[in-house]
Amino acid sequence: MSISVRNITKLYGSQRALSDVSFEIGSGEVVGFLGPNGAGKSTMMKILTCFLPPSSGEAVVCGFDTRAKSMDVRRNVGYLPENTPLYVDLYVREYLDFIAGVHGLKDRTARVNTMIDRVGLGPEQHKRIGQLSKGYRQRVGLAQALVHDPQVLILDEPTSGLDPNQLVEIRSLIKNLGREKTVMLSTHIMQEVEAICDRVIIIDRGVVVADDKASNLRSRQQQREVVEVEFDRAINANDLLAISGVLHAKHKEGNSWLLAHDAENDVRPAVFQFAVDKGIKVLGLQKSERGLEEVFKELTRR
């Protein structure tokens, strides 16, 4: 097991940031660590990377206890904080060479070249870090987290500030890294979690409220379903609410509506019959996929 967290509690004075948190992450897993602001995500990541000690409980990374064997943990972990701390006066290559030296790597030049190529820093490698865009600074942060070839990657908002093209590239990189390393990442972008994560851990107010595959979370929480229907003319909401099984009708745009119904009852036949009775044409009718975002809101609703 690459990461094992057992009954971790963290107190800041009288404030409880984490409360009896436990989970395990195996080798080769890409796990999304989610939660609203102030839920305790960054605190948990700082404990796993030995920046903070827990008040109680035990955290083990790659077989090493974070308190008793902190240097061994650091050798096996690559960490990208949310606000990437970089030496902005150094050049990209100079900075990565410095980080490689800190880790005691022998063939530093070859390793730096590999990292520059892997995260797409080639066009910017001879610039000062302070001259880079936020997206390229994020790439430098990823490169420094990877330069010593760690077994575990802990990434806090790794795609923050990237443009759409860069998002695709970095997500693909993280997904590929998950084939050989353990990756734990925090993000507020639910589409990103669904695209690259094998599993989701959701924390709220210092407590784990969910730990499962995203698809399982969606189905487990799903008490209502939604269908999207488009008619050939304007329809009154009260008429739609009169359809058997429809619990809520929300106007989308034009003549399109979102109709919520109980998950056990498919309202599409009733909608078709409604249209026939009214002499209305149905231009489109399909189930609306329930996303992880809705599940997240339900689980962390204050």
C-alpha atoms as a PDB file:
ATOM      1  CA  MET A   1       0.000   0.000   0.000  1.00  0.00           C
ATOM      2  CA  SER A   2       1.558   3.334  -1.076  1.00  0.00           C
ATOM      3  CA  ILE A   3      -0.440   5.552   1.303  1.00  0.00           C
ATOM      4  CA  SER A   4      -2.057   4.427   4.545  1.00  0.00           C
ATOM      5  CA  VAL A   5      -3.853   6.932   6.777  1.00  0.00           C
ATOM      6  CA  ARG A   6      -5.166   5.634  10.091  1.00  0.00           C
ATOM      7  CA  ASN A   7      -7.328   7.703  12.421  1.00  0.00           C
ATOM      8  CA  ILE A   8      -5.595  11.014  11.679  1.00  0.00           C
ATOM      9  CA  THR A   9      -6.781  13.997  13.690  1.00  0.00           C
ATOM     10  CA  LYS A  10      -5.285  17.479  13.355  1.00  0.00           C
ATOM     11  CA  LEU A  11      -6.001  20.345  15.719  1.00  0.00           C
ATOM     12  CA  TYR A  12      -5.077  24.001  15.318  1.00  0.00           C
ATOM     13  CA  GLY A  13      -5.607  25.171  18.868  1.00  0.00           C
ATOM     14  CA  SER A  14      -9.290  24.486  19.510  1.00  0.00           C
ATOM     15  CA  GLN A  15     -10.109  24.164  15.799  1.00  0.00           C
ATOM     16  CA  ARG A  16     -10.393  20.611  14.471  1.00  0.00           C
ATOM     17  CA  ALA A  17      -9.154  20.518  10.857  1.00  0.00           C
ATOM     18  CA  LEU A  18      -9.211  16.695  10.526  1.00  0.00           C
ATOM     19  CA  SER A  19     -11.217  14.258  12.622  1.00  0.00           C
ATOM     20  CA  ASP A  20     -10.332  10.550  12.739  1.00  0.00           C
ATOM     21  CA  VAL A  21      -9.580  10.315   8.987  1.00  0.00           C
ATOM     22  CA  SER A  22      -8.669   6.900   7.545  1.00  0.00           C
ATOM     23  CA  PHE A  23      -8.086   5.701   3.975  1.00  0.00           C
ATOM     24  CA  GLU A  24      -5.624   3.712   1.882  1.00  0.00           C
ATOM     25  CA  ILE A  25      -4.318   4.268  -1.664  1.00  0.00           C
ATOM     26  CA  GLY A  26      -2.630   1.473  -3.570  1.00  0.00           C
ATOM     27  CA  SER A  27       0.201   1.628  -6.085  1.00  0.00           C
ATOM     28  CA  GLY A  28      -0.878   2.703  -9.562  1.00  0.00           C
ATOM     29  CA  GLU A  29      -4.064   4.448  -8.403  1.00  0.00           C
ATOM     30  CA  VAL A  30      -5.019   7.994  -9.413  1.00  0.00           C
ATOM     31  CA  VAL A  31      -7.240   9.274  -6.610  1.00  0.00           C
ATOM     32  CA  GLY A  32      -9.137  12.556  -6.525  1.00  0.00           C
ATOM     33  CA  PHE A  33      -9.131  14.129  -3.056  1.00  0.00           C
ATOM     34  CA  LEU A  34     -12.095  16.497  -3.031  1.00  0.00           C
ATOM     35  CA  GLY A  35     -13.835  18.821  -0.630  1.00  0.00           C
ATOM     36  CA  PRO A  36     -15.117  22.388  -0.243  1.00  0.00           C
ATOM     37  CA  ASN A  37     -12.794  25.175   0.866  1.00  0.00           C
ATOM     38  CA  GLY A  38     -11.717  24.651   4.460  1.00  0.00           C
ATOM     39  CA  ALA A  39     -12.580  20.940   4.446  1.00  0.00           C
ATOM     40  CA  GLY A  40      -9.051  19.840   5.421  1.00  0.00           C
ATOM     41  CA  LYS A  41      -7.631  18.765   2.037  1.00  0.00           C
ATOM     42  CA  SER A  42      -4.430  20.811   2.164  1.00  0.00           C
ATOM     43  CA  THR A  43      -3.869  19.884   5.804  1.00  0.00           C
ATOM     44  CA  MET A  44      -4.052  16.190   4.917  1.00  0.00           C
ATOM     45  CA  MET A  45      -1.630  16.672   2.027  1.00  0.00           C
ATOM     46  CA  LYS A  46       0.818  18.568   4.245  1.00  0.00           C
ATOM     47  CA  ILE A  47       0.741  15.724   6.771  1.00  0.00           C
ATOM     48  CA  LEU A  48       1.469  13.166   4.034  1.00  0.00           C
ATOM     49  CA  THR A  49       4.404  15.257   2.774  1.00  0.00           C
ATOM     50  CA  CYS A  50       5.817  15.811   6.306  1.00  0.00           C
ATOM     51  CA  PHE A  51       5.171  19.560   6.375  1.00  0.00           C
ATOM     52  CA  LEU A  52       2.824  19.121   9.352  1.00  0.00           C
ATOM     53  CA  PRO A  53       2.640  16.486  12.099  1.00  0.00           C
ATOM     54  CA  PRO A  54      -0.781  15.023  12.968  1.00  0.00           C
ATOM     55  CA  SER A  55      -2.177  15.643  16.443  1.00  0.00           C
ATOM     56  CA  SER A  56      -2.987  11.938  16.642  1.00  0.00           C
ATOM     57  CA  GLY A  57      -3.160   8.913  14.368  1.00  0.00           C
ATOM     58  CA  GLU A  58      -0.658   7.516  11.886  1.00  0.00           C
ATOM     59  CA  ALA A  59       0.244   8.273   8.264  1.00  0.00           C
ATOM     60  CA  VAL A  60       2.481   5.840   6.362  1.00  0.00           C
ATOM     61  CA  VAL A  61       3.836   6.556   2.863  1.00  0.00           C
ATOM     62  CA  CYS A  62       5.737   3.863   0.936  1.00  0.00           C
ATOM     63  CA  GLY A  63       6.127   1.954   4.196  1.00  0.00           C
ATOM     64  CA  PHE A  64       7.604   4.899   6.131  1.00  0.00           C
ATOM     65  CA  ASP A  65       5.912   6.685   9.019  1.00  0.00           C
ATOM     66  CA  THR A  66       5.677  10.430   8.324  1.00  0.00           C
ATOM     67  CA  ARG A  67       6.877  11.319  11.819  1.00  0.00           C
ATOM     68  CA  ALA A  68       9.517   8.661  12.477  1.00  0.00           C
ATOM     69  CA  LYS A  69      10.942   8.434   8.934  1.00  0.00           C
ATOM     70  CA  SER A  70      10.227  11.843   7.407  1.00  0.00           C
ATOM     71  CA  MET A  71      13.358  11.950   5.220  1.00  0.00           C
ATOM     72  CA  ASP A  72      12.534   8.563   3.696  1.00  0.00           C
ATOM     73  CA  VAL A  73       9.000   9.788   2.979  1.00  0.00           C
ATOM     74  CA  ARG A  74      10.344  12.918   1.260  1.00  0.00           C
ATOM     75  CA  ARG A  75      12.636  10.825  -0.965  1.00  0.00           C
ATOM     76  CA  ASN A  76       9.628   8.884  -2.214  1.00  0.00           C
ATOM     77  CA  VAL A  77       7.125  11.729  -2.615  1.00  0.00           C
ATOM     78  CA  GLY A  78       6.770  14.448  -5.250  1.00  0.00           C
ATOM     79  CA  TYR A  79       4.661  17.390  -4.050  1.00  0.00           C
ATOM     80  CA  LEU A  80       3.061  20.242  -5.981  1.00  0.00           C
ATOM     81  CA  PRO A  81       1.429  22.738  -3.557  1.00  0.00           C
ATOM     82  CA  GLU A  82      -1.537  24.839  -4.639  1.00  0.00           C
ATOM     83  CA  ASN A  83       0.575  28.013  -4.746  1.00  0.00           C
ATOM     84  CA  THR A  84       3.724  26.693  -6.396  1.00  0.00           C
ATOM     85  CA  PRO A  85       6.800  28.069  -4.568  1.00  0.00           C
ATOM     86  CA  LEU A  86       9.406  28.818  -7.243  1.00  0.00           C
ATOM     87  CA  TYR A  87      12.611  30.861  -7.384  1.00  0.00           C
ATOM     88  CA  VAL A  88      11.424  33.365  -9.974  1.00  0.00           C
ATOM     89  CA  ASP A  89      14.901  34.843 -10.599  1.00  0.00           C
ATOM     90  CA  LEU A  90      16.312  31.503 -11.748  1.00  0.00           C
ATOM     91  CA  TYR A  91      16.106  30.177 -15.295  1.00  0.00           C
ATOM     92  CA  VAL A  92      13.956  27.088 -15.860  1.00  0.00           C
ATOM     93  CA  ARG A  93      16.912  24.745 -16.494  1.00  0.00           C
ATOM     94  CA  GLU A  94      18.899  26.326 -13.679  1.00  0.00           C
ATOM     95  CA  TYR A  95      16.050  25.812 -11.212  1.00  0.00           C
ATOM     96  CA  LEU A  96      15.417  22.181 -12.173  1.00  0.00           C
ATOM     97  CA  ASP A  97      19.142  21.448 -11.984  1.00  0.00           C
ATOM     98  CA  PHE A  98      19.181  22.970  -8.485  1.00  0.00           C
ATOM     99  CA  ILE A  99      16.244  20.763  -7.394  1.00  0.00           C
ATOM    100  CA  ALA A 100      17.954  17.700  -8.886  1.00  0.00           C
ATOM    101  CA  GLY A 101      21.047  18.602  -6.846  1.00  0.00           C
ATOM    102  CA  VAL A 102      18.988  18.904  -3.661  1.00  0.00           C
ATOM    103  CA  HIS A 103      17.826  15.313  -4.255  1.00  0.00           C
ATOM    104  CA  GLY A 104      21.410  14.184  -4.827  1.00  0.00           C
ATOM    105  CA  LEU A 105      20.833  12.934  -8.383  1.00  0.00           C
ATOM    106  CA  LYS A 106      23.973  11.880 -10.250  1.00  0.00           C
ATOM    107  CA  ASP A 107      23.186  12.517 -13.922  1.00  0.00           C
ATOM    108  CA  ARG A 108      21.374  15.780 -13.327  1.00  0.00           C
ATOM    109  CA  THR A 109      21.561  17.116 -16.890  1.00  0.00           C
ATOM    110  CA  ALA A 110      19.950  14.021 -18.397  1.00  0.00           C
ATOM    111  CA  ARG A 111      17.197  14.029 -15.775  1.00  0.00           C
ATOM    112  CA  VAL A 112      16.467  17.729 -16.311  1.00  0.00           C
ATOM    113  CA  ASN A 113      16.282  17.164 -20.073  1.00  0.00           C
ATOM    114  CA  THR A 114      13.807  14.319 -19.523  1.00  0.00           C
ATOM    115  CA  MET A 115      11.582  16.461 -17.305  1.00  0.00           C
ATOM    116  CA  ILE A 116      11.612  19.437 -19.677  1.00  0.00           C
ATOM    117  CA  ASP A 117      10.518  17.171 -22.500  1.00  0.00           C
ATOM    118  CA  ARG A 118       7.947  15.303 -20.427  1.00  0.00           C
ATOM    119  CA  VAL A 119       6.016  18.358 -19.201  1.00  0.00           C
ATOM    120  CA  GLY A 120       6.403  20.398 -22.404  1.00  0.00           C
ATOM    121  CA  LEU A 121       8.776  23.111 -21.200  1.00  0.00           C
ATOM    122  CA  GLY A 122      11.032  23.017 -24.269  1.00  0.00           C
ATOM    123  CA  PRO A 123      10.041  26.421 -25.742  1.00  0.00           C
ATOM    124  CA  GLU A 124      10.462  28.155 -22.364  1.00  0.00           C
ATOM    125  CA  GLN A 125      13.470  26.353 -20.909  1.00  0.00           C
ATOM    126  CA  HIS A 126      15.897  29.274 -21.360  1.00  0.00           C
ATOM    127  CA  LYS A 127      13.636  31.890 -19.734  1.00  0.00           C
ATOM    128  CA  ARG A 128      13.604  33.114 -16.166  1.00  0.00           C
ATOM    129  CA  ILE A 129      10.716  31.585 -14.199  1.00  0.00           C
ATOM    130  CA  GLY A 130       9.463  35.090 -13.408  1.00  0.00           C
ATOM    131  CA  GLN A 131       8.887  35.681 -17.139  1.00  0.00           C
ATOM    132  CA  LEU A 132       6.649  32.623 -17.571  1.00  0.00           C
ATOM    133  CA  SER A 133       2.880  32.556 -17.759  1.00  0.00           C
ATOM    134  CA  LYS A 134       0.997  30.931 -14.893  1.00  0.00           C
ATOM    135  CA  GLY A 135       0.448  27.821 -16.986  1.00  0.00           C
ATOM    136  CA  TYR A 136       4.146  27.350 -17.679  1.00  0.00           C
ATOM    137  CA  ARG A 137       5.015  28.038 -14.037  1.00  0.00           C
ATOM    138  CA  GLN A 138       2.644  25.204 -13.185  1.00  0.00           C
ATOM    139  CA  ARG A 139       4.606  22.972 -15.562  1.00  0.00           C
ATOM    140  CA  VAL A 140       7.838  23.926 -13.820  1.00  0.00           C
ATOM    141  CA  GLY A 141       6.178  22.946 -10.527  1.00  0.00           C
ATOM    142  CA  LEU A 142       5.215  19.572 -11.978  1.00  0.00           C
ATOM    143  CA  ALA A 143       8.744  19.048 -13.294  1.00  0.00           C
ATOM    144  CA  GLN A 144      10.290  19.722  -9.865  1.00  0.00           C
ATOM    145  CA  ALA A 145       7.815  17.286  -8.280  1.00  0.00           C
ATOM    146  CA  LEU A 146       8.870  14.581 -10.762  1.00  0.00           C
ATOM    147  CA  VAL A 147      12.596  15.214 -11.157  1.00  0.00           C
ATOM    148  CA  HIS A 148      13.683  12.670  -8.502  1.00  0.00           C
ATOM    149  CA  ASP A 149      11.335   9.973  -9.911  1.00  0.00           C
ATOM    150  CA  PRO A 150       9.160   9.575  -6.775  1.00  0.00           C
ATOM    151  CA  GLN A 151       6.829   6.631  -6.171  1.00  0.00           C
ATOM    152  CA  VAL A 152       4.012   8.882  -4.905  1.00  0.00           C
ATOM    153  CA  LEU A 153       2.803  12.164  -6.403  1.00  0.00           C
ATOM    154  CA  ILE A 154       0.683  14.548  -4.325  1.00  0.00           C
ATOM    155  CA  LEU A 155      -0.724  17.349  -6.454  1.00  0.00           C
ATOM    156  CA  ASP A 156      -2.769  20.258  -5.101  1.00  0.00           C
ATOM    157  CA  GLU A 157      -4.719  21.916  -7.953  1.00  0.00           C
ATOM    158  CA  PRO A 158      -2.214  20.739 -10.627  1.00  0.00           C
ATOM    159  CA  THR A 159      -4.056  22.260 -13.621  1.00  0.00           C
ATOM    160  CA  SER A 160      -4.750  25.684 -12.125  1.00  0.00           C
ATOM    161  CA  GLY A 161      -4.181  28.438 -14.697  1.00  0.00           C
ATOM    162  CA  LEU A 162      -3.739  26.173 -17.725  1.00  0.00           C
ATOM    163  CA  ASP A 163      -5.425  26.926 -21.055  1.00  0.00           C
ATOM    164  CA  PRO A 164      -7.666  24.238 -22.672  1.00  0.00           C
ATOM    165  CA  ASN A 165      -4.832  22.776 -24.775  1.00  0.00           C
ATOM    166  CA  GLN A 166      -2.492  22.625 -21.801  1.00  0.00           C
ATOM    167  CA  LEU A 167      -5.265  21.022 -19.703  1.00  0.00           C
ATOM    168  CA  VAL A 168      -5.516  18.103 -22.117  1.00  0.00           C
ATOM    169  CA  GLU A 169      -1.736  17.610 -22.140  1.00  0.00           C
ATOM    170  CA  ILE A 170      -1.277  17.751 -18.358  1.00  0.00           C
ATOM    171  CA  ARG A 171      -4.298  15.523 -17.695  1.00  0.00           C
ATOM    172  CA  SER A 172      -2.878  12.984 -20.121  1.00  0.00           C
ATOM    173  CA  LEU A 173       0.496  13.207 -18.360  1.00  0.00           C
ATOM    174  CA  ILE A 174      -1.096  12.619 -14.938  1.00  0.00           C
ATOM    175  CA  LYS A 175      -3.113   9.686 -16.280  1.00  0.00           C
ATOM    176  CA  ASN A 176       0.035   8.111 -17.736  1.00  0.00           C
ATOM    177  CA  LEU A 177       1.950   8.687 -14.505  1.00  0.00           C
ATOM    178  CA  GLY A 178      -0.790   6.768 -12.688  1.00  0.00           C
ATOM    179  CA  ARG A 179       0.225   3.607 -14.541  1.00  0.00           C
ATOM    180  CA  GLU A 180       3.532   3.518 -12.702  1.00  0.00           C
ATOM    181  CA  LYS A 181       3.061   5.741  -9.653  1.00  0.00           C
ATOM    182  CA  THR A 182       0.473   6.513  -7.000  1.00  0.00           C
ATOM    183  CA  VAL A 183      -1.161   9.889  -7.679  1.00  0.00           C
ATOM    184  CA  MET A 184      -3.290  11.817  -5.189  1.00  0.00           C
ATOM    185  CA  LEU A 185      -4.661  15.071  -6.514  1.00  0.00           C
ATOM    186  CA  SER A 186      -6.902  17.791  -5.220  1.00  0.00           C
ATOM    187  CA  THR A 187      -9.030  19.830  -7.629  1.00  0.00           C
ATOM    188  CA  HIS A 188     -12.310  21.715  -7.845  1.00  0.00           C
ATOM    189  CA  ILE A 189     -12.839  20.706 -11.492  1.00  0.00           C
ATOM    190  CA  MET A 190     -15.213  17.740 -11.406  1.00  0.00           C
ATOM    191  CA  GLN A 191     -14.788  16.972 -15.110  1.00  0.00           C
ATOM    192  CA  GLU A 192     -11.090  16.576 -14.444  1.00  0.00           C
ATOM    193  CA  VAL A 193     -11.753  14.044 -11.691  1.00  0.00           C
ATOM    194  CA  GLU A 194     -14.082  12.012 -13.912  1.00  0.00           C
ATOM    195  CA  ALA A 195     -11.549  12.125 -16.767  1.00  0.00           C
ATOM    196  CA  ILE A 196      -8.414  10.963 -14.948  1.00  0.00           C
ATOM    197  CA  CYS A 197      -9.221   9.539 -11.499  1.00  0.00           C
ATOM    198  CA  ASP A 198      -9.795   5.875 -10.695  1.00  0.00           C
ATOM    199  CA  ARG A 199     -11.328   6.719  -7.336  1.00  0.00           C
ATOM    200  CA  VAL A 200     -12.713   9.667  -5.381  1.00  0.00           C
ATOM    201  CA  ILE A 201     -12.324  10.535  -1.704  1.00  0.00           C
ATOM    202  CA  ILE A 202     -14.575  13.390  -0.565  1.00  0.00           C
ATOM    203  CA  ILE A 203     -13.863  15.143   2.722  1.00  0.00           C
ATOM    204  CA  ASP A 204     -16.103  17.688   4.432  1.00  0.00           C
ATOM    205  CA  ARG A 205     -15.389  19.547   7.684  1.00  0.00           C
ATOM    206  CA  GLY A 206     -12.470  17.238   8.407  1.00  0.00           C
ATOM    207  CA  VAL A 207     -14.416  13.987   7.947  1.00  0.00           C
ATOM    208  CA  VAL A 208     -14.389  11.545   5.003  1.00  0.00           C
ATOM    209  CA  VAL A 209     -17.955  11.461   3.659  1.00  0.00           C
ATOM    210  CA  ALA A 210     -17.339   9.282   0.571  1.00  0.00           C
ATOM    211  CA  ASP A 211     -14.673   6.941  -0.796  1.00  0.00           C
ATOM    212  CA  ASP A 212     -15.524   5.099  -4.010  1.00  0.00           C
ATOM    213  CA  LYS A 213     -15.334   5.139  -7.794  1.00  0.00           C
ATOM    214  CA  ALA A 214     -17.008   8.194  -9.345  1.00  0.00           C
ATOM    215  CA  SER A 215     -19.486   6.000 -11.234  1.00  0.00           C
ATOM    216  CA  ASN A 216     -20.461   4.184  -8.026  1.00  0.00           C
ATOM    217  CA  LEU A 217     -20.937   7.479  -6.189  1.00  0.00           C
ATOM    218  CA  ARG A 218     -23.263   8.749  -8.905  1.00  0.00           C
ATOM    219  CA  SER A 219     -25.424   5.643  -8.850  1.00  0.00           C
ATOM    220  CA  ARG A 220     -25.409   5.315  -5.058  1.00  0.00           C
ATOM    221  CA  GLN A 221     -26.568   8.895  -4.493  1.00  0.00           C
ATOM    222  CA  GLN A 222     -28.989   8.905  -7.375  1.00  0.00           C
ATOM    223  CA  GLN A 223     -32.521   9.219  -6.039  1.00  0.00           C
ATOM    224  CA  ARG A 224     -33.762  11.333  -8.929  1.00  0.00           C
ATOM    225  CA  GLU A 225     -33.069  11.328 -12.626  1.00  0.00           C
ATOM    226  CA  VAL A 226     -33.515  14.065 -15.212  1.00  0.00           C
ATOM    227  CA  VAL A 227     -34.678  13.931 -18.814  1.00  0.00           C
ATOM    228  CA  GLU A 228     -34.179  16.737 -21.294  1.00  0.00           C
ATOM    229  CA  VAL A 229     -37.030  17.307 -23.738  1.00  0.00           C
ATOM    230  CA  GLU A 230     -37.423  19.780 -26.606  1.00  0.00           C
ATOM    231  CA  PHE A 231     -40.829  20.586 -28.103  1.00  0.00           C
ATOM    232  CA  ASP A 232     -41.674  22.388 -31.336  1.00  0.00           C
ATOM    233  CA  ARG A 233     -43.516  25.153 -29.484  1.00  0.00           C
ATOM    234  CA  ALA A 234     -43.668  26.920 -26.124  1.00  0.00           C
ATOM    235  CA  ILE A 235     -45.029  24.869 -23.209  1.00  0.00           C
ATOM    236  CA  ASN A 236     -46.338  25.973 -19.818  1.00  0.00           C
ATOM    237  CA  ALA A 237     -44.496  24.620 -16.774  1.00  0.00           C
ATOM    238  CA  ASN A 238     -47.770  23.750 -15.031  1.00  0.00           C
ATOM    239  CA  ASP A 239     -48.732  21.502 -17.959  1.00  0.00           C
ATOM    240  CA  LEU A 240     -45.433  19.630 -17.639  1.00  0.00           C
ATOM    241  CA  LEU A 241     -45.861  19.218 -13.875  1.00  0.00           C
ATOM    242  CA  ALA A 242     -49.218  17.578 -14.562  1.00  0.00           C
ATOM    243  CA  ILE A 243     -47.449  14.705 -16.385  1.00  0.00           C
ATOM    244  CA  SER A 244     -47.492  11.583 -14.227  1.00  0.00           C
ATOM    245  CA  GLY A 245     -44.124  11.100 -12.510  1.00  0.00           C
ATOM    246  CA  VAL A 246     -42.672  14.569 -13.168  1.00  0.00           C
ATOM    247  CA  LEU A 247     -41.484  16.082  -9.875  1.00  0.00           C
ATOM    248  CA  HIS A 248     -39.913  19.291 -11.150  1.00  0.00           C
ATOM    249  CA  ALA A 249     -39.765  21.173 -14.462  1.00  0.00           C
ATOM    250  CA  LYS A 250     -36.928  23.611 -15.212  1.00  0.00           C
ATOM    251  CA  HIS A 251     -36.868  25.720 -18.362  1.00  0.00           C
ATOM    252  CA  LYS A 252     -33.509  25.423 -20.118  1.00  0.00           C
ATOM    253  CA  GLU A 253     -33.644  27.511 -23.315  1.00  0.00           C
ATOM    254  CA  GLY A 254     -36.028  27.984 -26.214  1.00  0.00           C
ATOM    255  CA  ASN A 255     -38.575  25.186 -25.992  1.00  0.00           C
ATOM    256  CA  SER A 256     -36.290  22.847 -24.035  1.00  0.00           C
ATOM    257  CA  TRP A 257     -37.026  21.650 -20.505  1.00  0.00           C
ATOM    258  CA  LEU A 258     -35.338  19.548 -17.825  1.00  0.00           C
ATOM    259  CA  LEU A 259     -37.819  17.239 -16.108  1.00  0.00           C
ATOM    260  CA  ALA A 260     -36.847  15.616 -12.799  1.00  0.00           C
ATOM    261  CA  HIS A 261     -38.443  12.337 -11.816  1.00  0.00           C
ATOM    262  CA  ASP A 262     -38.034   9.474  -9.369  1.00  0.00           C
ATOM    263  CA  ALA A 263     -35.152   7.184 -10.404  1.00  0.00           C
ATOM    264  CA  GLU A 264     -37.431   4.145 -10.272  1.00  0.00           C
ATOM    265  CA  ASN A 265     -39.929   5.510 -12.817  1.00  0.00           C
ATOM    266  CA  ASP A 266     -39.105   6.387 -16.435  1.00  0.00           C
ATOM    267  CA  VAL A 267     -41.299   9.349 -17.438  1.00  0.00           C
ATOM    268  CA  ARG A 268     -40.380   9.338 -21.139  1.00  0.00           C
ATOM    269  CA  PRO A 269     -43.462   7.317 -22.252  1.00  0.00           C
ATOM    270  CA  ALA A 270     -45.706   9.723 -20.325  1.00  0.00           C
ATOM    271  CA  VAL A 271     -43.991  12.715 -21.939  1.00  0.00           C
ATOM    272  CA  PHE A 272     -44.580  11.242 -25.394  1.00  0.00           C
ATOM    273  CA  GLN A 273     -48.230  10.603 -24.557  1.00  0.00           C
ATOM    274  CA  PHE A 274     -48.556  14.185 -23.282  1.00  0.00           C
ATOM    275  CA  ALA A 275     -47.232  15.472 -26.603  1.00  0.00           C
ATOM    276  CA  VAL A 276     -49.633  13.259 -28.586  1.00  0.00           C
ATOM    277  CA  ASP A 277     -52.619  14.432 -26.511  1.00  0.00           C
ATOM    278  CA  LYS A 278     -51.643  18.090 -26.994  1.00  0.00           C
ATOM    279  CA  GLY A 279     -50.825  17.743 -30.684  1.00  0.00           C
ATOM    280  CA  ILE A 280     -47.214  18.808 -30.017  1.00  0.00           C
ATOM    281  CA  LYS A 281     -44.079  17.448 -31.690  1.00  0.00           C
ATOM    282  CA  VAL A 282     -41.174  16.190 -29.591  1.00  0.00           C
ATOM    283  CA  LEU A 283     -37.925  17.262 -31.273  1.00  0.00           C
ATOM    284  CA  GLY A 284     -35.669  15.582 -28.745  1.00  0.00           C
ATOM    285  CA  LEU A 285     -35.936  13.470 -25.600  1.00  0.00           C
ATOM    286  CA  GLN A 286     -32.984  12.016 -23.711  1.00  0.00           C
ATOM    287  CA  LYS A 287     -31.756  11.225 -20.237  1.00  0.00           C
ATOM    288  CA  SER A 288     -29.519  13.909 -18.771  1.00  0.00           C
ATOM    289  CA  GLU A 289     -26.389  12.324 -17.278  1.00  0.00           C
ATOM    290  CA  ARG A 290     -25.998  13.136 -13.609  1.00  0.00           C
ATOM    291  CA  GLY A 291     -22.509  14.453 -12.989  1.00  0.00           C
ATOM    292  CA  LEU A 292     -20.139  14.148 -10.053  1.00  0.00           C
ATOM    293  CA  GLU A 293     -20.714  17.838  -9.327  1.00  0.00           C
ATOM    294  CA  GLU A 294     -24.302  17.177  -8.189  1.00  0.00           C
ATOM    295  CA  VAL A 295     -23.151  14.286  -5.995  1.00  0.00           C
ATOM    296  CA  PHE A 296     -20.428  16.498  -4.485  1.00  0.00           C
ATOM    297  CA  LYS A 297     -22.986  19.206  -3.653  1.00  0.00           C
ATOM    298  CA  GLU A 298     -25.283  16.700  -1.948  1.00  0.00           C
ATOM    299  CA  LEU A 299     -22.502  15.181   0.151  1.00  0.00           C
ATOM    300  CA  THR A 300     -21.001  18.507   1.266  1.00  0.00           C
ATOM    301  CA  ARG A 301     -24.150  20.575   1.648  1.00  0.00           C
ATOM    302  CA  ARG A 302     -23.751  22.579   4.825  1.00  0.00           C
END
